[in-house]
Amino acid sequence: MKIILEHVTKVYEDTNNKVLDNFSMVVEKGEFVLLTGESGIGKTTLLRLLLREINPDRGKIQVGEYDLGRLPENKVPYYRRKLGVIFQDSRLINTKNVYENICLAREVVGGRKKDSRKVVTAICSFLKIADLYKRYPKELSGGEKQKVCLARALVNYPDLILADEPTGNLSYDESIELMKLFQLIHKQGVTVVIATHDKESLGDILYREIILEGIENRQ
């Protein structure tokens, strides 16, 4: 999905903190993009705007066919079905095993239970986590939890993946492994946008870096 932000400003009223000020960017369909910048500069806010969790005070946000400023509230869930989201904290349900956590993400958007096993099995095999099926979150390492979150994000075959500091709680080796999985997903034609401080884990993966103070390209 192509992303266009035009002159976006966001101010948090409770603190009067202007996080984004007249910010514009374009992410082309199928790009692998890193959002970087100092803490508090607005990376997470930008992802929340793309998720339509919050609205800008000024400016326009277009994601694929959706003008988020004109999107009715009852259409937001349909828009979000086209997105996969990964957070720094896994947000897995501790009382459900890996398979149940992933299936739930499919079923809450109307996926049929009849199809879920086939879809979940295929995605877990792709991510090489099929052996984790019956484990519960407390039995997983940090890296394993994030792989499960990635599987959960993919279960509805999204056009766009948004990730907020996905390697923030991981070891260096786990971070490298997770970023390689993002690369595999990107190679399937999915647009990937990752907010992160961690560029070391990318290795030789090609990406474009958007610094919230400006734009820099890396080839």
C-alpha atoms as a PDB file:
ATOM      1  CA  MET A   1       0.000   0.000   0.000  1.00  0.00           C
ATOM      2  CA  LYS A   2       1.251   3.458  -0.839  1.00  0.00           C
ATOM      3  CA  ILE A   3       1.351   5.957   2.038  1.00  0.00           C
ATOM      4  CA  ILE A   4       1.107   9.731   1.578  1.00  0.00           C
ATOM      5  CA  LEU A   5       1.284  12.272   4.398  1.00  0.00           C
ATOM      6  CA  GLU A   6       0.809  15.903   3.444  1.00  0.00           C
ATOM      7  CA  HIS A   7       1.625  18.688   5.933  1.00  0.00           C
ATOM      8  CA  VAL A   8       0.597  16.655   8.973  1.00  0.00           C
ATOM      9  CA  THR A   9       0.642  18.295  12.402  1.00  0.00           C
ATOM     10  CA  LYS A  10      -0.219  16.570  15.667  1.00  0.00           C
ATOM     11  CA  VAL A  11      -0.424  18.276  19.057  1.00  0.00           C
ATOM     12  CA  TYR A  12      -1.279  16.405  22.260  1.00  0.00           C
ATOM     13  CA  GLU A  13      -3.711  18.672  24.078  1.00  0.00           C
ATOM     14  CA  ASP A  14      -2.978  17.339  27.572  1.00  0.00           C
ATOM     15  CA  THR A  15       0.696  18.340  27.350  1.00  0.00           C
ATOM     16  CA  ASN A  16       0.470  20.904  24.519  1.00  0.00           C
ATOM     17  CA  ASN A  17       3.307  18.934  22.935  1.00  0.00           C
ATOM     18  CA  LYS A  18       3.588  19.327  19.170  1.00  0.00           C
ATOM     19  CA  VAL A  19       4.985  15.967  18.071  1.00  0.00           C
ATOM     20  CA  LEU A  20       4.694  16.357  14.313  1.00  0.00           C
ATOM     21  CA  ASP A  21       4.800  19.768  12.671  1.00  0.00           C
ATOM     22  CA  ASN A  22       3.880  20.175   8.994  1.00  0.00           C
ATOM     23  CA  PHE A  23       5.356  16.735   8.292  1.00  0.00           C
ATOM     24  CA  SER A  24       5.132  15.196   4.820  1.00  0.00           C
ATOM     25  CA  MET A  25       6.358  11.882   3.444  1.00  0.00           C
ATOM     26  CA  VAL A  26       5.628   9.325   0.739  1.00  0.00           C
ATOM     27  CA  VAL A  27       6.175   5.572   1.062  1.00  0.00           C
ATOM     28  CA  GLU A  28       5.728   3.757  -2.224  1.00  0.00           C
ATOM     29  CA  LYS A  29       3.899   0.458  -2.443  1.00  0.00           C
ATOM     30  CA  GLY A  30       6.296  -2.397  -1.727  1.00  0.00           C
ATOM     31  CA  GLU A  31       8.992  -0.317   0.002  1.00  0.00           C
ATOM     32  CA  PHE A  32      10.974  -1.310   3.094  1.00  0.00           C
ATOM     33  CA  VAL A  33      11.191   1.839   5.229  1.00  0.00           C
ATOM     34  CA  LEU A  34      12.733   2.655   8.590  1.00  0.00           C
ATOM     35  CA  LEU A  35      11.369   5.543  10.639  1.00  0.00           C
ATOM     36  CA  THR A  36      14.158   6.908  12.794  1.00  0.00           C
ATOM     37  CA  GLY A  37      14.846   9.911  14.994  1.00  0.00           C
ATOM     38  CA  GLU A  38      15.372  10.851  18.604  1.00  0.00           C
ATOM     39  CA  SER A  39      13.080   9.532  21.329  1.00  0.00           C
ATOM     40  CA  GLY A  40       9.909  11.584  21.541  1.00  0.00           C
ATOM     41  CA  ILE A  41      10.280  12.930  18.010  1.00  0.00           C
ATOM     42  CA  GLY A  42       7.022  11.261  16.879  1.00  0.00           C
ATOM     43  CA  LYS A  43       7.763   7.795  15.464  1.00  0.00           C
ATOM     44  CA  THR A  44       5.101   6.048  17.537  1.00  0.00           C
ATOM     45  CA  THR A  45       2.661   8.899  16.938  1.00  0.00           C
ATOM     46  CA  LEU A  46       3.176   8.486  13.210  1.00  0.00           C
ATOM     47  CA  LEU A  47       2.368   4.771  13.412  1.00  0.00           C
ATOM     48  CA  ARG A  48      -0.734   5.522  15.507  1.00  0.00           C
ATOM     49  CA  LEU A  49      -1.864   7.970  12.848  1.00  0.00           C
ATOM     50  CA  LEU A  50      -1.400   5.301  10.161  1.00  0.00           C
ATOM     51  CA  LEU A  51      -3.399   2.858  12.294  1.00  0.00           C
ATOM     52  CA  ARG A  52      -6.130   5.499  12.597  1.00  0.00           C
ATOM     53  CA  GLU A  53      -5.919   5.264  16.405  1.00  0.00           C
ATOM     54  CA  ILE A  54      -5.590   9.055  16.476  1.00  0.00           C
ATOM     55  CA  ASN A  55      -6.223  11.825  13.965  1.00  0.00           C
ATOM     56  CA  PRO A  56      -3.938  14.693  12.948  1.00  0.00           C
ATOM     57  CA  ASP A  57      -4.798  18.273  13.894  1.00  0.00           C
ATOM     58  CA  ARG A  58      -3.952  19.347  10.369  1.00  0.00           C
ATOM     59  CA  GLY A  59      -2.933  17.692   7.145  1.00  0.00           C
ATOM     60  CA  LYS A  60      -3.940  14.710   5.044  1.00  0.00           C
ATOM     61  CA  ILE A  61      -3.086  11.010   5.365  1.00  0.00           C
ATOM     62  CA  GLN A  62      -3.756   8.652   2.473  1.00  0.00           C
ATOM     63  CA  VAL A  63      -3.033   4.914   2.787  1.00  0.00           C
ATOM     64  CA  GLY A  64      -3.791   2.983  -0.372  1.00  0.00           C
ATOM     65  CA  GLU A  65      -7.353   3.843  -1.345  1.00  0.00           C
ATOM     66  CA  TYR A  66      -8.187   5.222   2.113  1.00  0.00           C
ATOM     67  CA  ASP A  67      -8.264   8.922   2.987  1.00  0.00           C
ATOM     68  CA  LEU A  68      -7.987   8.459   6.749  1.00  0.00           C
ATOM     69  CA  GLY A  69      -9.372  11.895   7.549  1.00  0.00           C
ATOM     70  CA  ARG A  70     -12.622  11.063   5.754  1.00  0.00           C
ATOM     71  CA  LEU A  71     -12.860   7.446   6.859  1.00  0.00           C
ATOM     72  CA  PRO A  72     -16.067   6.846   8.869  1.00  0.00           C
ATOM     73  CA  GLU A  73     -15.594   5.168  12.247  1.00  0.00           C
ATOM     74  CA  ASN A  74     -17.578   2.113  11.147  1.00  0.00           C
ATOM     75  CA  LYS A  75     -15.135   1.598   8.254  1.00  0.00           C
ATOM     76  CA  VAL A  76     -11.980   1.732  10.387  1.00  0.00           C
ATOM     77  CA  PRO A  77     -12.052  -2.034  11.228  1.00  0.00           C
ATOM     78  CA  TYR A  78     -12.225  -2.857   7.509  1.00  0.00           C
ATOM     79  CA  TYR A  79      -9.246  -0.614   6.837  1.00  0.00           C
ATOM     80  CA  ARG A  80      -7.246  -2.240   9.637  1.00  0.00           C
ATOM     81  CA  ARG A  81      -7.794  -5.674   8.132  1.00  0.00           C
ATOM     82  CA  LYS A  82      -5.316  -4.640   5.459  1.00  0.00           C
ATOM     83  CA  LEU A  83      -2.650  -3.906   8.078  1.00  0.00           C
ATOM     84  CA  GLY A  84      -0.408  -6.098  10.195  1.00  0.00           C
ATOM     85  CA  VAL A  85       0.959  -4.546  13.389  1.00  0.00           C
ATOM     86  CA  ILE A  86       3.866  -5.564  15.663  1.00  0.00           C
ATOM     87  CA  PHE A  87       4.608  -3.797  18.949  1.00  0.00           C
ATOM     88  CA  GLN A  88       7.694  -3.769  21.165  1.00  0.00           C
ATOM     89  CA  ASP A  89       5.763  -5.621  23.861  1.00  0.00           C
ATOM     90  CA  SER A  90       4.218  -8.675  22.282  1.00  0.00           C
ATOM     91  CA  ARG A  91       0.654  -8.188  23.581  1.00  0.00           C
ATOM     92  CA  LEU A  92       0.009 -11.915  23.406  1.00  0.00           C
ATOM     93  CA  ILE A  93      -2.820 -13.356  25.486  1.00  0.00           C
ATOM     94  CA  ASN A  94      -1.140 -15.332  28.266  1.00  0.00           C
ATOM     95  CA  THR A  95      -4.036 -17.782  28.727  1.00  0.00           C
ATOM     96  CA  LYS A  96      -3.921 -18.880  25.073  1.00  0.00           C
ATOM     97  CA  ASN A  97      -1.255 -20.927  23.364  1.00  0.00           C
ATOM     98  CA  VAL A  98       0.584 -19.829  20.224  1.00  0.00           C
ATOM     99  CA  TYR A  99      -1.899 -21.390  17.826  1.00  0.00           C
ATOM    100  CA  GLU A 100      -4.870 -19.848  19.650  1.00  0.00           C
ATOM    101  CA  ASN A 101      -3.250 -16.400  19.741  1.00  0.00           C
ATOM    102  CA  ILE A 102      -2.673 -16.433  16.006  1.00  0.00           C
ATOM    103  CA  CYS A 103      -6.101 -17.874  15.183  1.00  0.00           C
ATOM    104  CA  LEU A 104      -7.812 -15.228  17.271  1.00  0.00           C
ATOM    105  CA  ALA A 105      -6.361 -12.480  15.093  1.00  0.00           C
ATOM    106  CA  ARG A 106      -7.985 -14.103  12.074  1.00  0.00           C
ATOM    107  CA  GLU A 107     -11.323 -14.854  13.669  1.00  0.00           C
ATOM    108  CA  VAL A 108     -11.920 -11.377  15.125  1.00  0.00           C
ATOM    109  CA  VAL A 109     -12.037  -9.958  11.604  1.00  0.00           C
ATOM    110  CA  GLY A 110     -14.464 -12.569  10.346  1.00  0.00           C
ATOM    111  CA  GLY A 111     -12.161 -15.353   9.232  1.00  0.00           C
ATOM    112  CA  ARG A 112     -13.750 -18.797   9.255  1.00  0.00           C
ATOM    113  CA  LYS A 113     -12.483 -21.309  11.795  1.00  0.00           C
ATOM    114  CA  LYS A 114     -12.667 -23.908   9.051  1.00  0.00           C
ATOM    115  CA  ASP A 115      -9.909 -22.085   7.151  1.00  0.00           C
ATOM    116  CA  SER A 116      -7.859 -20.936  10.123  1.00  0.00           C
ATOM    117  CA  ARG A 117      -5.824 -24.087  10.683  1.00  0.00           C
ATOM    118  CA  LYS A 118      -4.626 -24.196   7.085  1.00  0.00           C
ATOM    119  CA  VAL A 119      -3.719 -20.497   7.047  1.00  0.00           C
ATOM    120  CA  VAL A 120      -1.996 -20.518  10.443  1.00  0.00           C
ATOM    121  CA  THR A 121      -0.068 -23.678   9.586  1.00  0.00           C
ATOM    122  CA  ALA A 122       1.184 -22.154   6.338  1.00  0.00           C
ATOM    123  CA  ILE A 123       2.325 -18.906   7.984  1.00  0.00           C
ATOM    124  CA  CYS A 124       4.015 -20.652  10.907  1.00  0.00           C
ATOM    125  CA  SER A 125       5.851 -22.923   8.484  1.00  0.00           C
ATOM    126  CA  PHE A 126       6.946 -19.863   6.488  1.00  0.00           C
ATOM    127  CA  LEU A 127       8.302 -18.253   9.676  1.00  0.00           C
ATOM    128  CA  LYS A 128       9.709 -21.581  10.944  1.00  0.00           C
ATOM    129  CA  ILE A 129       7.801 -21.535  14.246  1.00  0.00           C
ATOM    130  CA  ALA A 130       5.504 -24.535  13.721  1.00  0.00           C
ATOM    131  CA  ASP A 131       7.180 -26.272  16.676  1.00  0.00           C
ATOM    132  CA  LEU A 132       5.861 -23.547  19.011  1.00  0.00           C
ATOM    133  CA  TYR A 133       2.162 -24.276  18.355  1.00  0.00           C
ATOM    134  CA  LYS A 134       1.242 -25.621  21.773  1.00  0.00           C
ATOM    135  CA  ARG A 135       3.399 -23.370  23.916  1.00  0.00           C
ATOM    136  CA  TYR A 136       2.093 -20.483  25.996  1.00  0.00           C
ATOM    137  CA  PRO A 137       3.647 -16.998  25.999  1.00  0.00           C
ATOM    138  CA  LYS A 138       5.394 -17.561  29.344  1.00  0.00           C
ATOM    139  CA  GLU A 139       7.244 -20.499  27.761  1.00  0.00           C
ATOM    140  CA  LEU A 140       8.664 -18.398  24.906  1.00  0.00           C
ATOM    141  CA  SER A 141      11.824 -16.335  24.617  1.00  0.00           C
ATOM    142  CA  GLY A 142      11.590 -12.696  23.581  1.00  0.00           C
ATOM    143  CA  GLY A 143      12.550 -13.551  20.021  1.00  0.00           C
ATOM    144  CA  GLU A 144       9.988 -16.351  19.830  1.00  0.00           C
ATOM    145  CA  LYS A 145       7.252 -14.040  21.101  1.00  0.00           C
ATOM    146  CA  GLN A 146       8.020 -11.509  18.382  1.00  0.00           C
ATOM    147  CA  LYS A 147       7.943 -14.237  15.722  1.00  0.00           C
ATOM    148  CA  VAL A 148       4.496 -15.238  16.979  1.00  0.00           C
ATOM    149  CA  CYS A 149       3.446 -11.580  16.808  1.00  0.00           C
ATOM    150  CA  LEU A 150       4.718 -11.465  13.255  1.00  0.00           C
ATOM    151  CA  ALA A 151       2.673 -14.559  12.411  1.00  0.00           C
ATOM    152  CA  ARG A 152      -0.367 -12.945  14.017  1.00  0.00           C
ATOM    153  CA  ALA A 153       0.207  -9.829  11.913  1.00  0.00           C
ATOM    154  CA  LEU A 154       0.406 -11.898   8.719  1.00  0.00           C
ATOM    155  CA  VAL A 155      -2.586 -14.143   9.294  1.00  0.00           C
ATOM    156  CA  ASN A 156      -4.961 -11.893   7.342  1.00  0.00           C
ATOM    157  CA  TYR A 157      -2.495 -11.380   4.472  1.00  0.00           C
ATOM    158  CA  PRO A 158      -1.970  -7.623   4.979  1.00  0.00           C
ATOM    159  CA  ASP A 159      -0.772  -5.200   2.334  1.00  0.00           C
ATOM    160  CA  LEU A 160       1.134  -3.143   4.908  1.00  0.00           C
ATOM    161  CA  ILE A 161       3.166  -4.118   7.988  1.00  0.00           C
ATOM    162  CA  LEU A 162       3.721  -1.509  10.722  1.00  0.00           C
ATOM    163  CA  ALA A 163       6.213  -2.287  13.488  1.00  0.00           C
ATOM    164  CA  ASP A 164       7.019  -0.143  16.533  1.00  0.00           C
ATOM    165  CA  GLU A 165      10.495  -0.897  17.955  1.00  0.00           C
ATOM    166  CA  PRO A 166      10.058  -4.652  17.317  1.00  0.00           C
ATOM    167  CA  THR A 167      13.627  -5.489  18.408  1.00  0.00           C
ATOM    168  CA  GLY A 168      13.624  -3.225  21.472  1.00  0.00           C
ATOM    169  CA  ASN A 169      13.569  -6.086  23.981  1.00  0.00           C
ATOM    170  CA  LEU A 170      15.602  -8.611  22.006  1.00  0.00           C
ATOM    171  CA  SER A 171      19.197  -9.765  22.004  1.00  0.00           C
ATOM    172  CA  TYR A 172      21.397  -8.866  19.049  1.00  0.00           C
ATOM    173  CA  ASP A 173      21.096 -12.345  17.493  1.00  0.00           C
ATOM    174  CA  GLU A 174      17.316 -12.389  17.976  1.00  0.00           C
ATOM    175  CA  SER A 175      17.086  -8.936  16.404  1.00  0.00           C
ATOM    176  CA  ILE A 176      19.010 -10.012  13.316  1.00  0.00           C
ATOM    177  CA  GLU A 177      16.812 -13.079  12.929  1.00  0.00           C
ATOM    178  CA  LEU A 178      13.612 -11.041  13.238  1.00  0.00           C
ATOM    179  CA  MET A 179      14.755  -8.440  10.723  1.00  0.00           C
ATOM    180  CA  LYS A 180      15.526 -11.209   8.219  1.00  0.00           C
ATOM    181  CA  LEU A 181      11.915 -12.338   8.570  1.00  0.00           C
ATOM    182  CA  PHE A 182      10.731  -8.813   7.841  1.00  0.00           C
ATOM    183  CA  GLN A 183      12.895  -8.951   4.726  1.00  0.00           C
ATOM    184  CA  LEU A 184      11.284 -12.232   3.642  1.00  0.00           C
ATOM    185  CA  ILE A 185       7.838 -10.680   4.076  1.00  0.00           C
ATOM    186  CA  HIS A 186       8.895  -7.620   2.117  1.00  0.00           C
ATOM    187  CA  LYS A 187      10.017  -9.855  -0.736  1.00  0.00           C
ATOM    188  CA  GLN A 188       6.422 -11.101  -0.995  1.00  0.00           C
ATOM    189  CA  GLY A 189       5.413  -7.589  -2.082  1.00  0.00           C
ATOM    190  CA  VAL A 190       4.278  -6.294   1.311  1.00  0.00           C
ATOM    191  CA  THR A 191       5.061  -2.694   2.272  1.00  0.00           C
ATOM    192  CA  VAL A 192       7.045  -2.664   5.537  1.00  0.00           C
ATOM    193  CA  VAL A 193       7.395   0.380   7.819  1.00  0.00           C
ATOM    194  CA  ILE A 194       9.451  -0.040  11.005  1.00  0.00           C
ATOM    195  CA  ALA A 195       9.972   2.610  13.680  1.00  0.00           C
ATOM    196  CA  THR A 196      13.284   1.815  15.326  1.00  0.00           C
ATOM    197  CA  HIS A 197      16.572   2.981  16.836  1.00  0.00           C
ATOM    198  CA  ASP A 198      18.153  -0.324  15.811  1.00  0.00           C
ATOM    199  CA  LYS A 199      19.760  -0.118  12.379  1.00  0.00           C
ATOM    200  CA  GLU A 200      22.613  -2.500  13.219  1.00  0.00           C
ATOM    201  CA  SER A 201      20.280  -5.512  13.008  1.00  0.00           C
ATOM    202  CA  LEU A 202      19.479  -4.763   9.364  1.00  0.00           C
ATOM    203  CA  GLY A 203      22.906  -5.878   8.162  1.00  0.00           C
ATOM    204  CA  ASP A 204      22.938  -5.685   4.372  1.00  0.00           C
ATOM    205  CA  ILE A 205      19.137  -5.505   4.021  1.00  0.00           C
ATOM    206  CA  LEU A 206      18.211  -2.700   1.627  1.00  0.00           C
ATOM    207  CA  TYR A 207      15.908  -0.070   3.070  1.00  0.00           C
ATOM    208  CA  ARG A 208      15.013   3.606   2.893  1.00  0.00           C
ATOM    209  CA  GLU A 209      15.403   5.645   6.051  1.00  0.00           C
ATOM    210  CA  ILE A 210      12.984   8.434   6.888  1.00  0.00           C
ATOM    211  CA  ILE A 211      14.299  10.629   9.684  1.00  0.00           C
ATOM    212  CA  LEU A 212      11.502  12.671  11.166  1.00  0.00           C
ATOM    213  CA  GLU A 213      13.733  15.732  10.847  1.00  0.00           C
ATOM    214  CA  GLY A 214      14.340  14.968   7.178  1.00  0.00           C
ATOM    215  CA  ILE A 215      14.766  12.148   4.682  1.00  0.00           C
ATOM    216  CA  GLU A 216      17.841  10.110   3.945  1.00  0.00           C
ATOM    217  CA  ASN A 217      18.157   7.233   1.494  1.00  0.00           C
ATOM    218  CA  ARG A 218      20.376   4.205   1.921  1.00  0.00           C
ATOM    219  CA  GLN A 219      20.983   1.761  -0.922  1.00  0.00           C
END
